[in-house]
Amino acid sequence: MEKIPLTRAGYEKLIRELEFLSRVERPQVVRQILEAAQEGGVEKNPDFQSALAHRQRLERRIKQLQQILANAEVLVGSNLSPRKVRFNSRVKILNLATGQELEFKLVGPLEADANAGQLSIASPLGKALMGRATGDKVQVMTPRGARGYQILEIRMDKV
């Protein structure tokens, strides 16, 4: 399987989620199943069926997290200059059409959340920005046509 790029913070967040689901959530669901089963009539018992469905979702998520973490590649540095846009850098850009300034942290696809300022390096804009320097202009094709951006600032968070 292909490596999954993650920031250190993203990796630690997934570890915490896996630990919570395994150590807290899973035992609670097992208790719910046992309690519902004691009420009798498991076939037509909505509490029992609901608890089983919850357990299936939980086990799928645990397995998914285990697979992600097994294939994770925590990227902390880059051989690119700190003056270039790279994984885990913060980039302030200017939308040349609207004059709106936007700021993003470049992350892997699993951590991406544009509303939270986390831009995937696999997104069209993320790909266009990678390796560029302050002052560079990039053009990105979107469903609404071409969009132009200029890089205003690049910085790395302190680890």
N, C-alpha and C. Protein backbone atom coordinates (compact mmCIF):
# COMPACT_ATOMS: atom_id res chain seq x y z
N MET A 1 0.83 -1.18 0.00
CA MET A 1 0.00 0.00 0.00
C MET A 1 0.87 1.24 0.00
N GLU A 2 0.38 2.28 -0.60
CA GLU A 2 1.13 3.53 -0.72
C GLU A 2 1.20 4.26 0.62
N LYS A 3 2.31 4.94 0.85
CA LYS A 3 2.50 5.69 2.09
C LYS A 3 1.51 6.85 2.17
N ILE A 4 1.07 7.14 3.40
CA ILE A 4 0.11 8.20 3.65
C ILE A 4 0.82 9.33 4.37
N PRO A 5 1.00 10.49 3.71
CA PRO A 5 1.72 11.59 4.37
C PRO A 5 0.86 12.22 5.46
N LEU A 6 1.47 12.39 6.63
CA LEU A 6 0.81 13.03 7.77
C LEU A 6 1.77 13.97 8.46
N THR A 7 1.21 15.02 9.05
CA THR A 7 2.02 15.86 9.92
C THR A 7 2.15 15.12 11.25
N ARG A 8 3.08 15.55 12.07
CA ARG A 8 3.23 14.93 13.39
C ARG A 8 1.94 15.11 14.18
N ALA A 9 1.33 16.30 14.12
CA ALA A 9 0.08 16.56 14.85
C ALA A 9 -1.05 15.67 14.33
N GLY A 10 -1.12 15.47 13.03
CA GLY A 10 -2.15 14.61 12.45
C GLY A 10 -1.97 13.16 12.87
N TYR A 11 -0.72 12.71 12.91
CA TYR A 11 -0.42 11.34 13.33
C TYR A 11 -0.82 11.13 14.79
N GLU A 12 -0.45 12.09 15.63
CA GLU A 12 -0.77 11.98 17.06
C GLU A 12 -2.28 12.04 17.30
N LYS A 13 -2.99 12.81 16.52
CA LYS A 13 -4.45 12.87 16.63
C LYS A 13 -5.08 11.51 16.31
N LEU A 14 -4.58 10.86 15.28
CA LEU A 14 -5.10 9.54 14.91
C LEU A 14 -4.77 8.50 15.97
N ILE A 15 -3.58 8.59 16.55
CA ILE A 15 -3.19 7.68 17.65
C ILE A 15 -4.16 7.85 18.82
N ARG A 16 -4.43 9.11 19.19
CA ARG A 16 -5.35 9.37 20.30
C ARG A 16 -6.75 8.84 20.01
N GLU A 17 -7.21 9.02 18.77
CA GLU A 17 -8.53 8.52 18.40
C GLU A 17 -8.58 7.00 18.50
N LEU A 18 -7.55 6.33 17.99
CA LEU A 18 -7.50 4.87 18.05
C LEU A 18 -7.49 4.38 19.50
N GLU A 19 -6.70 5.01 20.34
CA GLU A 19 -6.65 4.62 21.76
C GLU A 19 -8.00 4.82 22.43
N PHE A 20 -8.66 5.94 22.15
CA PHE A 20 -9.97 6.20 22.74
C PHE A 20 -10.99 5.16 22.28
N LEU A 21 -11.03 4.90 20.99
CA LEU A 21 -12.00 3.93 20.46
C LEU A 21 -11.74 2.53 21.02
N SER A 22 -10.47 2.15 21.13
CA SER A 22 -10.11 0.81 21.60
C SER A 22 -10.30 0.65 23.10
N ARG A 23 -9.93 1.65 23.87
CA ARG A 23 -9.92 1.51 25.33
C ARG A 23 -11.19 2.01 26.03
N VAL A 24 -11.90 2.92 25.41
CA VAL A 24 -13.08 3.51 26.04
C VAL A 24 -14.35 3.10 25.31
N GLU A 25 -14.40 3.42 24.04
CA GLU A 25 -15.63 3.19 23.26
C GLU A 25 -15.96 1.71 23.09
N ARG A 26 -14.97 0.90 22.74
CA ARG A 26 -15.22 -0.53 22.51
C ARG A 26 -15.79 -1.22 23.75
N PRO A 27 -15.20 -1.06 24.94
CA PRO A 27 -15.78 -1.69 26.13
C PRO A 27 -17.21 -1.21 26.42
N GLN A 28 -17.48 0.06 26.17
CA GLN A 28 -18.84 0.58 26.38
C GLN A 28 -19.84 -0.10 25.46
N VAL A 29 -19.47 -0.28 24.21
CA VAL A 29 -20.37 -0.92 23.25
C VAL A 29 -20.60 -2.39 23.63
N VAL A 30 -19.56 -3.07 24.07
CA VAL A 30 -19.71 -4.46 24.49
C VAL A 30 -20.69 -4.54 25.67
N ARG A 31 -20.55 -3.61 26.62
CA ARG A 31 -21.49 -3.57 27.76
C ARG A 31 -22.92 -3.33 27.28
N GLN A 32 -23.09 -2.42 26.32
CA GLN A 32 -24.43 -2.13 25.77
C GLN A 32 -25.03 -3.37 25.12
N ILE A 33 -24.22 -4.11 24.40
CA ILE A 33 -24.69 -5.33 23.73
C ILE A 33 -25.12 -6.35 24.79
N LEU A 34 -24.30 -6.55 25.81
CA LEU A 34 -24.62 -7.52 26.86
C LEU A 34 -25.89 -7.13 27.62
N GLU A 35 -26.01 -5.85 27.94
CA GLU A 35 -27.20 -5.38 28.66
C GLU A 35 -28.45 -5.56 27.81
N ALA A 36 -28.36 -5.22 26.52
CA ALA A 36 -29.51 -5.36 25.63
C ALA A 36 -29.87 -6.83 25.44
N ALA A 37 -28.87 -7.70 25.39
CA ALA A 37 -29.13 -9.14 25.21
C ALA A 37 -29.83 -9.73 26.43
N GLN A 38 -29.54 -9.20 27.60
CA GLN A 38 -30.17 -9.70 28.82
C GLN A 38 -31.66 -9.36 28.88
N GLU A 39 -32.06 -8.36 28.11
CA GLU A 39 -33.46 -7.99 28.08
C GLU A 39 -34.28 -9.02 27.30
N GLY A 40 -33.59 -9.90 26.58
CA GLY A 40 -34.26 -10.97 25.84
C GLY A 40 -34.71 -10.55 24.46
N GLY A 41 -35.06 -11.56 23.66
CA GLY A 41 -35.56 -11.31 22.30
C GLY A 41 -34.62 -10.50 21.45
N VAL A 42 -33.43 -10.99 21.25
CA VAL A 42 -32.41 -10.22 20.52
C VAL A 42 -32.81 -9.93 19.08
N GLU A 43 -33.59 -10.80 18.47
CA GLU A 43 -33.98 -10.61 17.07
C GLU A 43 -34.81 -9.34 16.87
N LYS A 44 -35.72 -9.07 17.81
CA LYS A 44 -36.61 -7.91 17.65
C LYS A 44 -36.34 -6.84 18.70
N ASN A 45 -35.17 -6.89 19.29
CA ASN A 45 -34.80 -5.94 20.32
C ASN A 45 -34.05 -4.76 19.67
N PRO A 46 -34.69 -3.58 19.57
CA PRO A 46 -34.04 -2.46 18.87
C PRO A 46 -32.76 -1.99 19.57
N ASP A 47 -32.69 -2.07 20.90
CA ASP A 47 -31.47 -1.67 21.60
C ASP A 47 -30.31 -2.59 21.24
N PHE A 48 -30.60 -3.88 21.16
CA PHE A 48 -29.57 -4.86 20.80
C PHE A 48 -29.09 -4.63 19.37
N GLN A 49 -30.03 -4.45 18.44
CA GLN A 49 -29.68 -4.23 17.03
C GLN A 49 -28.88 -2.94 16.86
N SER A 50 -29.28 -1.90 17.59
CA SER A 50 -28.57 -0.62 17.53
C SER A 50 -27.15 -0.76 18.06
N ALA A 51 -27.00 -1.48 19.16
CA ALA A 51 -25.67 -1.68 19.74
C ALA A 51 -24.78 -2.49 18.80
N LEU A 52 -25.36 -3.50 18.14
CA LEU A 52 -24.58 -4.29 17.16
C LEU A 52 -24.13 -3.42 15.99
N ALA A 53 -25.03 -2.58 15.49
CA ALA A 53 -24.68 -1.71 14.37
C ALA A 53 -23.58 -0.72 14.79
N HIS A 54 -23.69 -0.21 16.00
CA HIS A 54 -22.67 0.71 16.52
C HIS A 54 -21.32 -0.01 16.60
N ARG A 55 -21.35 -1.24 17.06
CA ARG A 55 -20.10 -2.01 17.17
C ARG A 55 -19.47 -2.23 15.79
N GLN A 56 -20.29 -2.52 14.79
CA GLN A 56 -19.76 -2.73 13.43
C GLN A 56 -19.08 -1.45 12.93
N ARG A 57 -19.73 -0.30 13.11
CA ARG A 57 -19.13 0.98 12.68
C ARG A 57 -17.82 1.24 13.43
N LEU A 58 -17.85 0.97 14.73
CA LEU A 58 -16.67 1.17 15.57
C LEU A 58 -15.51 0.29 15.11
N GLU A 59 -15.78 -0.98 14.87
CA GLU A 59 -14.72 -1.91 14.45
C GLU A 59 -14.17 -1.52 13.08
N ARG A 60 -15.04 -1.03 12.17
CA ARG A 60 -14.56 -0.56 10.86
C ARG A 60 -13.62 0.62 11.02
N ARG A 61 -13.99 1.56 11.90
CA ARG A 61 -13.15 2.74 12.11
C ARG A 61 -11.82 2.36 12.75
N ILE A 62 -11.85 1.46 13.71
CA ILE A 62 -10.61 0.99 14.35
C ILE A 62 -9.70 0.35 13.32
N LYS A 63 -10.25 -0.50 12.48
CA LYS A 63 -9.45 -1.16 11.44
C LYS A 63 -8.89 -0.13 10.46
N GLN A 64 -9.72 0.85 10.09
CA GLN A 64 -9.27 1.90 9.17
C GLN A 64 -8.11 2.69 9.78
N LEU A 65 -8.24 3.06 11.05
CA LEU A 65 -7.17 3.79 11.72
C LEU A 65 -5.89 2.97 11.80
N GLN A 66 -6.02 1.67 12.09
CA GLN A 66 -4.85 0.80 12.16
C GLN A 66 -4.14 0.74 10.81
N GLN A 67 -4.91 0.67 9.73
CA GLN A 67 -4.31 0.63 8.39
C GLN A 67 -3.63 1.95 8.04
N ILE A 68 -4.29 3.05 8.37
CA ILE A 68 -3.71 4.36 8.09
C ILE A 68 -2.39 4.51 8.84
N LEU A 69 -2.40 4.20 10.13
CA LEU A 69 -1.20 4.35 10.95
C LEU A 69 -0.08 3.41 10.51
N ALA A 70 -0.45 2.22 10.06
CA ALA A 70 0.56 1.27 9.59
C ALA A 70 1.25 1.77 8.32
N ASN A 71 0.54 2.58 7.54
CA ASN A 71 1.10 3.09 6.28
C ASN A 71 1.45 4.56 6.34
N ALA A 72 1.38 5.14 7.53
CA ALA A 72 1.65 6.57 7.67
C ALA A 72 3.13 6.88 7.52
N GLU A 73 3.37 8.01 6.93
CA GLU A 73 4.73 8.54 6.83
C GLU A 73 4.68 9.94 7.42
N VAL A 74 5.24 10.09 8.59
CA VAL A 74 5.22 11.39 9.26
C VAL A 74 6.34 12.23 8.65
N LEU A 75 5.92 13.28 7.98
CA LEU A 75 6.89 14.15 7.31
C LEU A 75 7.12 15.37 8.19
N VAL A 76 8.34 15.54 8.61
CA VAL A 76 8.67 16.66 9.48
C VAL A 76 9.56 17.68 8.78
N GLY A 77 10.22 17.28 7.77
CA GLY A 77 11.12 18.19 7.07
C GLY A 77 11.02 18.00 5.58
N SER A 78 11.85 18.69 4.88
CA SER A 78 11.86 18.60 3.43
C SER A 78 13.24 19.02 2.96
N ASN A 79 13.61 18.52 1.81
CA ASN A 79 14.89 18.95 1.26
C ASN A 79 14.73 20.24 0.47
N LEU A 80 13.49 20.77 0.43
CA LEU A 80 13.26 22.07 -0.20
C LEU A 80 13.68 23.17 0.76
N SER A 81 14.08 24.28 0.21
CA SER A 81 14.45 25.45 1.00
C SER A 81 13.23 25.92 1.81
N PRO A 82 13.46 26.45 3.01
CA PRO A 82 12.33 26.98 3.78
C PRO A 82 11.66 28.17 3.09
N ARG A 83 12.29 28.68 2.06
CA ARG A 83 11.70 29.79 1.29
C ARG A 83 10.77 29.28 0.20
N LYS A 84 10.65 27.98 0.11
CA LYS A 84 9.76 27.36 -0.90
C LYS A 84 8.58 26.71 -0.19
N VAL A 85 7.45 26.66 -0.87
CA VAL A 85 6.27 26.00 -0.32
C VAL A 85 6.55 24.51 -0.30
N ARG A 86 6.30 23.90 0.87
CA ARG A 86 6.53 22.47 1.02
C ARG A 86 5.51 21.91 2.01
N PHE A 87 5.52 20.61 2.16
CA PHE A 87 4.63 19.94 3.10
C PHE A 87 4.80 20.56 4.48
N ASN A 88 3.69 20.82 5.15
CA ASN A 88 3.66 21.34 6.51
C ASN A 88 3.99 22.83 6.61
N SER A 89 4.13 23.51 5.48
CA SER A 89 4.39 24.95 5.56
C SER A 89 3.06 25.71 5.54
N ARG A 90 3.08 26.91 6.10
CA ARG A 90 1.91 27.80 6.06
C ARG A 90 2.15 28.78 4.93
N VAL A 91 1.11 28.96 4.12
CA VAL A 91 1.23 29.81 2.94
C VAL A 91 0.10 30.82 2.93
N LYS A 92 0.46 32.08 2.78
CA LYS A 92 -0.55 33.13 2.62
C LYS A 92 -0.55 33.49 1.14
N ILE A 93 -1.75 33.42 0.55
CA ILE A 93 -1.87 33.70 -0.88
C ILE A 93 -2.92 34.78 -1.13
N LEU A 94 -2.83 35.40 -2.27
CA LEU A 94 -3.77 36.43 -2.69
C LEU A 94 -4.52 35.93 -3.90
N ASN A 95 -5.86 35.94 -3.83
CA ASN A 95 -6.68 35.62 -5.00
C ASN A 95 -6.61 36.85 -5.90
N LEU A 96 -6.03 36.71 -7.07
CA LEU A 96 -5.79 37.86 -7.95
C LEU A 96 -7.08 38.43 -8.51
N ALA A 97 -8.14 37.64 -8.58
CA ALA A 97 -9.42 38.13 -9.12
C ALA A 97 -10.21 38.92 -8.08
N THR A 98 -10.16 38.47 -6.82
CA THR A 98 -11.01 39.08 -5.79
C THR A 98 -10.25 39.95 -4.81
N GLY A 99 -8.94 39.79 -4.75
CA GLY A 99 -8.14 40.53 -3.78
C GLY A 99 -8.19 39.92 -2.38
N GLN A 100 -8.86 38.78 -2.25
CA GLN A 100 -8.99 38.11 -0.95
C GLN A 100 -7.70 37.39 -0.60
N GLU A 101 -7.26 37.58 0.66
CA GLU A 101 -6.10 36.86 1.16
C GLU A 101 -6.57 35.59 1.85
N LEU A 102 -5.88 34.50 1.59
CA LEU A 102 -6.18 33.21 2.19
C LEU A 102 -4.91 32.66 2.80
N GLU A 103 -5.05 31.90 3.88
CA GLU A 103 -3.88 31.27 4.49
C GLU A 103 -4.17 29.79 4.69
N PHE A 104 -3.22 28.95 4.30
CA PHE A 104 -3.38 27.51 4.42
C PHE A 104 -2.10 26.88 4.97
N LYS A 105 -2.29 25.75 5.64
CA LYS A 105 -1.18 24.88 6.00
C LYS A 105 -1.27 23.70 5.04
N LEU A 106 -0.17 23.35 4.39
CA LEU A 106 -0.18 22.24 3.45
C LEU A 106 0.02 20.93 4.18
N VAL A 107 -0.95 20.04 4.03
CA VAL A 107 -0.99 18.77 4.75
C VAL A 107 -1.32 17.65 3.77
N GLY A 108 -1.29 16.42 4.28
CA GLY A 108 -1.67 15.27 3.48
C GLY A 108 -3.18 15.22 3.27
N PRO A 109 -3.64 14.43 2.31
CA PRO A 109 -5.07 14.36 1.99
C PRO A 109 -5.97 13.99 3.17
N LEU A 110 -5.49 13.14 4.09
CA LEU A 110 -6.33 12.74 5.22
C LEU A 110 -6.56 13.86 6.22
N GLU A 111 -5.66 14.81 6.29
CA GLU A 111 -5.78 15.90 7.25
C GLU A 111 -6.45 17.13 6.65
N ALA A 112 -6.67 17.13 5.34
CA ALA A 112 -7.17 18.30 4.65
C ALA A 112 -8.55 18.72 5.16
N ASP A 113 -8.70 20.01 5.38
CA ASP A 113 -9.96 20.62 5.77
C ASP A 113 -9.84 22.10 5.43
N ALA A 114 -10.29 22.48 4.25
CA ALA A 114 -10.12 23.86 3.78
C ALA A 114 -10.75 24.86 4.73
N ASN A 115 -11.88 24.50 5.33
CA ASN A 115 -12.53 25.43 6.27
C ASN A 115 -11.67 25.69 7.51
N ALA A 116 -10.82 24.73 7.86
CA ALA A 116 -9.92 24.90 9.01
C ALA A 116 -8.54 25.36 8.57
N GLY A 117 -8.39 25.71 7.29
CA GLY A 117 -7.11 26.19 6.80
C GLY A 117 -6.08 25.11 6.52
N GLN A 118 -6.55 23.87 6.32
CA GLN A 118 -5.67 22.74 6.04
C GLN A 118 -5.87 22.34 4.57
N LEU A 119 -4.89 22.60 3.73
CA LEU A 119 -4.99 22.35 2.30
C LEU A 119 -4.17 21.12 1.92
N SER A 120 -4.79 20.21 1.19
CA SER A 120 -4.12 18.99 0.77
C SER A 120 -3.06 19.27 -0.30
N ILE A 121 -1.92 18.61 -0.14
CA ILE A 121 -0.87 18.73 -1.17
C ILE A 121 -1.30 18.04 -2.46
N ALA A 122 -2.37 17.23 -2.39
CA ALA A 122 -2.86 16.53 -3.58
C ALA A 122 -3.96 17.33 -4.29
N SER A 123 -4.42 18.42 -3.69
CA SER A 123 -5.45 19.25 -4.31
C SER A 123 -4.84 20.04 -5.46
N PRO A 124 -5.64 20.51 -6.41
CA PRO A 124 -5.08 21.31 -7.51
C PRO A 124 -4.29 22.54 -7.02
N LEU A 125 -4.83 23.25 -6.04
CA LEU A 125 -4.12 24.42 -5.52
C LEU A 125 -2.87 23.99 -4.77
N GLY A 126 -2.98 22.95 -3.95
CA GLY A 126 -1.82 22.45 -3.22
C GLY A 126 -0.69 22.04 -4.16
N LYS A 127 -1.03 21.33 -5.22
CA LYS A 127 -0.02 20.91 -6.21
C LYS A 127 0.63 22.12 -6.88
N ALA A 128 -0.20 23.12 -7.20
CA ALA A 128 0.33 24.31 -7.88
C ALA A 128 1.28 25.10 -6.99
N LEU A 129 1.01 25.09 -5.68
CA LEU A 129 1.84 25.87 -4.75
C LEU A 129 3.15 25.19 -4.39
N MET A 130 3.17 23.87 -4.39
CA MET A 130 4.36 23.13 -3.95
C MET A 130 5.61 23.55 -4.73
N GLY A 131 6.68 23.86 -3.99
CA GLY A 131 7.96 24.20 -4.60
C GLY A 131 8.08 25.64 -5.05
N ARG A 132 7.02 26.42 -4.90
CA ARG A 132 7.04 27.82 -5.34
C ARG A 132 7.57 28.72 -4.24
N ALA A 133 7.90 29.95 -4.60
CA ALA A 133 8.48 30.91 -3.65
C ALA A 133 7.58 32.13 -3.49
N THR A 134 7.86 32.92 -2.47
CA THR A 134 7.13 34.16 -2.23
C THR A 134 7.21 35.03 -3.48
N GLY A 135 6.07 35.58 -3.87
CA GLY A 135 6.01 36.43 -5.06
C GLY A 135 5.58 35.68 -6.31
N ASP A 136 5.74 34.35 -6.32
CA ASP A 136 5.34 33.56 -7.48
C ASP A 136 3.83 33.62 -7.66
N LYS A 137 3.42 33.54 -8.92
CA LYS A 137 2.00 33.48 -9.26
C LYS A 137 1.71 32.09 -9.80
N VAL A 138 0.55 31.55 -9.43
CA VAL A 138 0.13 30.24 -9.92
C VAL A 138 -1.28 30.37 -10.47
N GLN A 139 -1.57 29.49 -11.41
CA GLN A 139 -2.92 29.45 -11.97
C GLN A 139 -3.47 28.04 -11.78
N VAL A 140 -4.71 27.96 -11.33
CA VAL A 140 -5.34 26.68 -11.03
C VAL A 140 -6.65 26.59 -11.79
N MET A 141 -6.87 25.45 -12.43
CA MET A 141 -8.15 25.22 -13.12
C MET A 141 -9.15 24.69 -12.10
N THR A 142 -10.31 25.34 -12.05
CA THR A 142 -11.40 24.92 -11.17
C THR A 142 -12.63 24.68 -12.04
N PRO A 143 -13.67 24.08 -11.48
CA PRO A 143 -14.90 23.89 -12.25
C PRO A 143 -15.47 25.21 -12.79
N ARG A 144 -15.14 26.31 -12.12
CA ARG A 144 -15.63 27.63 -12.56
C ARG A 144 -14.62 28.36 -13.44
N GLY A 145 -13.58 27.68 -13.86
CA GLY A 145 -12.57 28.30 -14.71
C GLY A 145 -11.25 28.50 -13.99
N ALA A 146 -10.33 29.16 -14.68
CA ALA A 146 -8.99 29.37 -14.14
C ALA A 146 -9.01 30.43 -13.04
N ARG A 147 -8.24 30.17 -11.98
CA ARG A 147 -8.08 31.10 -10.86
C ARG A 147 -6.60 31.40 -10.69
N GLY A 148 -6.29 32.65 -10.50
CA GLY A 148 -4.91 33.04 -10.31
C GLY A 148 -4.64 33.45 -8.86
N TYR A 149 -3.48 33.05 -8.36
CA TYR A 149 -3.09 33.36 -6.98
C TYR A 149 -1.63 33.82 -6.98
N GLN A 150 -1.30 34.66 -6.00
CA GLN A 150 0.08 35.06 -5.79
C GLN A 150 0.46 34.70 -4.37
N ILE A 151 1.66 34.15 -4.21
CA ILE A 151 2.15 33.76 -2.88
C ILE A 151 2.69 35.00 -2.18
N LEU A 152 2.09 35.31 -1.03
CA LEU A 152 2.49 36.48 -0.26
C LEU A 152 3.51 36.16 0.82
N GLU A 153 3.36 34.97 1.43
CA GLU A 153 4.22 34.63 2.58
C GLU A 153 4.28 33.12 2.74
N ILE A 154 5.45 32.64 3.13
CA ILE A 154 5.65 31.22 3.43
C ILE A 154 6.34 31.14 4.78
N ARG A 155 5.82 30.29 5.66
CA ARG A 155 6.50 30.11 6.94
C ARG A 155 6.25 28.69 7.45
N MET A 156 7.13 28.26 8.31
CA MET A 156 7.01 26.94 8.93
C MET A 156 6.64 27.13 10.38
N ASP A 157 5.72 26.28 10.88
CA ASP A 157 5.39 26.30 12.30
C ASP A 157 6.58 25.76 13.08
N LYS A 158 6.76 26.25 14.28
CA LYS A 158 7.78 25.69 15.16
C LYS A 158 7.30 24.34 15.63
N VAL A 159 8.16 23.32 15.58
CA VAL A 159 7.76 21.96 15.97
C VAL A 159 7.99 21.76 17.44
